[in-house]
Amino acid sequence: MKTCMFMMIAALACIYPVICTAEVIPEDMTRAIDTGNLRHPYLFFTAEEKAGILERIDRDPESRDIMARLLAEGNRLLFTQVESPLPP
């Protein structure tokens, strides 16, 4: 039993650094997406892919949460007063 527990802890210790450094940066997203076929407003998805994205938002709790946070932030920014005069 102790050997099994030790092996599990050792395996997690080896995997942990990989999990912690598995960040996605904008450049990774841009390389993964075919930007040659995009039209204005230059979204990272096509009109045909939109239905799949909306379906995923409906099905997946994490995607639904991300969408809710995006909408909340967008609504917050809509009602944020702009500084006058604008900063340089």
C-alpha atoms as a PDB file:
ATOM      1  CA  MET A   1       0.000   0.000   0.000  1.00  0.00           C
ATOM      2  CA  LYS A   2       2.801   2.433   0.900  1.00  0.00           C
ATOM      3  CA  THR A   3       4.629   1.572  -2.318  1.00  0.00           C
ATOM      4  CA  CYS A   4       1.505   2.275  -4.367  1.00  0.00           C
ATOM      5  CA  MET A   5       0.965   5.615  -2.627  1.00  0.00           C
ATOM      6  CA  PHE A   6       4.630   6.534  -3.106  1.00  0.00           C
ATOM      7  CA  MET A   7       4.418   5.717  -6.831  1.00  0.00           C
ATOM      8  CA  MET A   8       1.302   7.878  -7.216  1.00  0.00           C
ATOM      9  CA  ILE A   9       2.955  10.813  -5.453  1.00  0.00           C
ATOM     10  CA  ALA A  10       6.112  10.384  -7.538  1.00  0.00           C
ATOM     11  CA  ALA A  11       4.070  10.319 -10.748  1.00  0.00           C
ATOM     12  CA  LEU A  12       2.170  13.458  -9.742  1.00  0.00           C
ATOM     13  CA  ALA A  13       5.427  15.197  -8.854  1.00  0.00           C
ATOM     14  CA  CYS A  14       6.712  14.470 -12.361  1.00  0.00           C
ATOM     15  CA  ILE A  15       3.520  15.617 -14.081  1.00  0.00           C
ATOM     16  CA  TYR A  16       2.881  18.732 -11.956  1.00  0.00           C
ATOM     17  CA  PRO A  17       5.505  20.981 -13.644  1.00  0.00           C
ATOM     18  CA  VAL A  18       4.085  20.110 -17.068  1.00  0.00           C
ATOM     19  CA  ILE A  19       0.538  20.944 -15.991  1.00  0.00           C
ATOM     20  CA  CYS A  20       1.616  24.251 -14.447  1.00  0.00           C
ATOM     21  CA  THR A  21       3.477  25.381 -17.563  1.00  0.00           C
ATOM     22  CA  ALA A  22       0.793  24.376 -20.077  1.00  0.00           C
ATOM     23  CA  GLU A  23      -0.320  27.944 -20.726  1.00  0.00           C
ATOM     24  CA  VAL A  24      -1.896  29.015 -23.986  1.00  0.00           C
ATOM     25  CA  ILE A  25      -0.717  32.334 -25.335  1.00  0.00           C
ATOM     26  CA  PRO A  26      -2.292  34.375 -28.175  1.00  0.00           C
ATOM     27  CA  GLU A  27       0.478  33.364 -30.566  1.00  0.00           C
ATOM     28  CA  ASP A  28      -0.400  29.677 -29.997  1.00  0.00           C
ATOM     29  CA  MET A  29      -4.023  30.388 -30.872  1.00  0.00           C
ATOM     30  CA  THR A  30      -3.069  32.344 -33.984  1.00  0.00           C
ATOM     31  CA  ARG A  31      -0.804  29.531 -35.217  1.00  0.00           C
ATOM     32  CA  ALA A  32      -3.544  26.958 -34.612  1.00  0.00           C
ATOM     33  CA  ILE A  33      -6.191  28.872 -36.585  1.00  0.00           C
ATOM     34  CA  ASP A  34      -6.302  29.298 -40.357  1.00  0.00           C
ATOM     35  CA  THR A  35      -6.308  33.101 -40.482  1.00  0.00           C
ATOM     36  CA  GLY A  36      -6.059  33.209 -44.281  1.00  0.00           C
ATOM     37  CA  ASN A  37      -9.805  32.720 -44.783  1.00  0.00           C
ATOM     38  CA  LEU A  38     -11.031  35.196 -42.184  1.00  0.00           C
ATOM     39  CA  ARG A  39     -13.171  38.183 -43.182  1.00  0.00           C
ATOM     40  CA  HIS A  40     -13.909  41.359 -41.277  1.00  0.00           C
ATOM     41  CA  PRO A  41     -14.568  41.582 -38.289  1.00  0.00           C
ATOM     42  CA  TYR A  42     -11.676  39.090 -38.189  1.00  0.00           C
ATOM     43  CA  LEU A  43     -13.105  36.675 -35.684  1.00  0.00           C
ATOM     44  CA  PHE A  44     -11.190  33.484 -34.999  1.00  0.00           C
ATOM     45  CA  PHE A  45     -14.121  31.440 -36.284  1.00  0.00           C
ATOM     46  CA  THR A  46     -16.276  31.317 -39.381  1.00  0.00           C
ATOM     47  CA  ALA A  47     -20.037  31.685 -39.653  1.00  0.00           C
ATOM     48  CA  GLU A  48     -20.257  27.917 -40.188  1.00  0.00           C
ATOM     49  CA  GLU A  49     -18.373  27.237 -36.937  1.00  0.00           C
ATOM     50  CA  LYS A  50     -20.603  29.571 -34.923  1.00  0.00           C
ATOM     51  CA  ALA A  51     -23.363  26.952 -34.493  1.00  0.00           C
ATOM     52  CA  GLY A  52     -20.877  24.482 -33.003  1.00  0.00           C
ATOM     53  CA  ILE A  53     -19.547  27.098 -30.613  1.00  0.00           C
ATOM     54  CA  LEU A  54     -23.049  28.004 -29.419  1.00  0.00           C
ATOM     55  CA  GLU A  55     -23.862  24.308 -28.978  1.00  0.00           C
ATOM     56  CA  ARG A  56     -20.714  23.832 -26.901  1.00  0.00           C
ATOM     57  CA  ILE A  57     -21.695  26.792 -24.712  1.00  0.00           C
ATOM     58  CA  ASP A  58     -25.075  25.118 -24.120  1.00  0.00           C
ATOM     59  CA  ARG A  59     -23.598  21.673 -23.350  1.00  0.00           C
ATOM     60  CA  ASP A  60     -20.353  22.378 -21.513  1.00  0.00           C
ATOM     61  CA  PRO A  61     -20.572  24.002 -18.054  1.00  0.00           C
ATOM     62  CA  GLU A  62     -17.053  25.468 -18.275  1.00  0.00           C
ATOM     63  CA  SER A  63     -17.737  27.024 -21.697  1.00  0.00           C
ATOM     64  CA  ARG A  64     -21.050  28.362 -20.380  1.00  0.00           C
ATOM     65  CA  ASP A  65     -19.234  29.946 -17.424  1.00  0.00           C
ATOM     66  CA  ILE A  66     -16.618  31.521 -19.691  1.00  0.00           C
ATOM     67  CA  MET A  67     -19.349  32.956 -21.921  1.00  0.00           C
ATOM     68  CA  ALA A  68     -21.208  34.357 -18.908  1.00  0.00           C
ATOM     69  CA  ARG A  69     -18.027  36.079 -17.709  1.00  0.00           C
ATOM     70  CA  LEU A  70     -17.347  37.479 -21.193  1.00  0.00           C
ATOM     71  CA  LEU A  71     -20.876  38.871 -21.405  1.00  0.00           C
ATOM     72  CA  ALA A  72     -20.644  40.364 -17.919  1.00  0.00           C
ATOM     73  CA  GLU A  73     -17.347  42.073 -18.753  1.00  0.00           C
ATOM     74  CA  GLY A  74     -18.733  43.347 -22.062  1.00  0.00           C
ATOM     75  CA  ASN A  75     -21.798  44.771 -20.323  1.00  0.00           C
ATOM     76  CA  ARG A  76     -19.609  46.357 -17.664  1.00  0.00           C
ATOM     77  CA  LEU A  77     -17.484  48.035 -20.330  1.00  0.00           C
ATOM     78  CA  LEU A  78     -20.588  49.303 -22.155  1.00  0.00           C
ATOM     79  CA  PHE A  79     -21.629  51.260 -19.086  1.00  0.00           C
ATOM     80  CA  THR A  80     -18.159  52.431 -18.009  1.00  0.00           C
ATOM     81  CA  GLN A  81     -17.844  56.188 -18.263  1.00  0.00           C
ATOM     82  CA  VAL A  82     -15.066  57.343 -20.580  1.00  0.00           C
ATOM     83  CA  GLU A  83     -12.540  59.712 -19.067  1.00  0.00           C
ATOM     84  CA  SER A  84     -12.612  63.190 -20.485  1.00  0.00           C
ATOM     85  CA  PRO A  85     -10.152  64.340 -21.685  1.00  0.00           C
ATOM     86  CA  LEU A  86      -8.748  61.089 -22.953  1.00  0.00           C
ATOM     87  CA  PRO A  87      -5.390  60.031 -21.555  1.00  0.00           C
ATOM     88  CA  PRO A  88      -2.416  60.458 -23.968  1.00  0.00           C
END
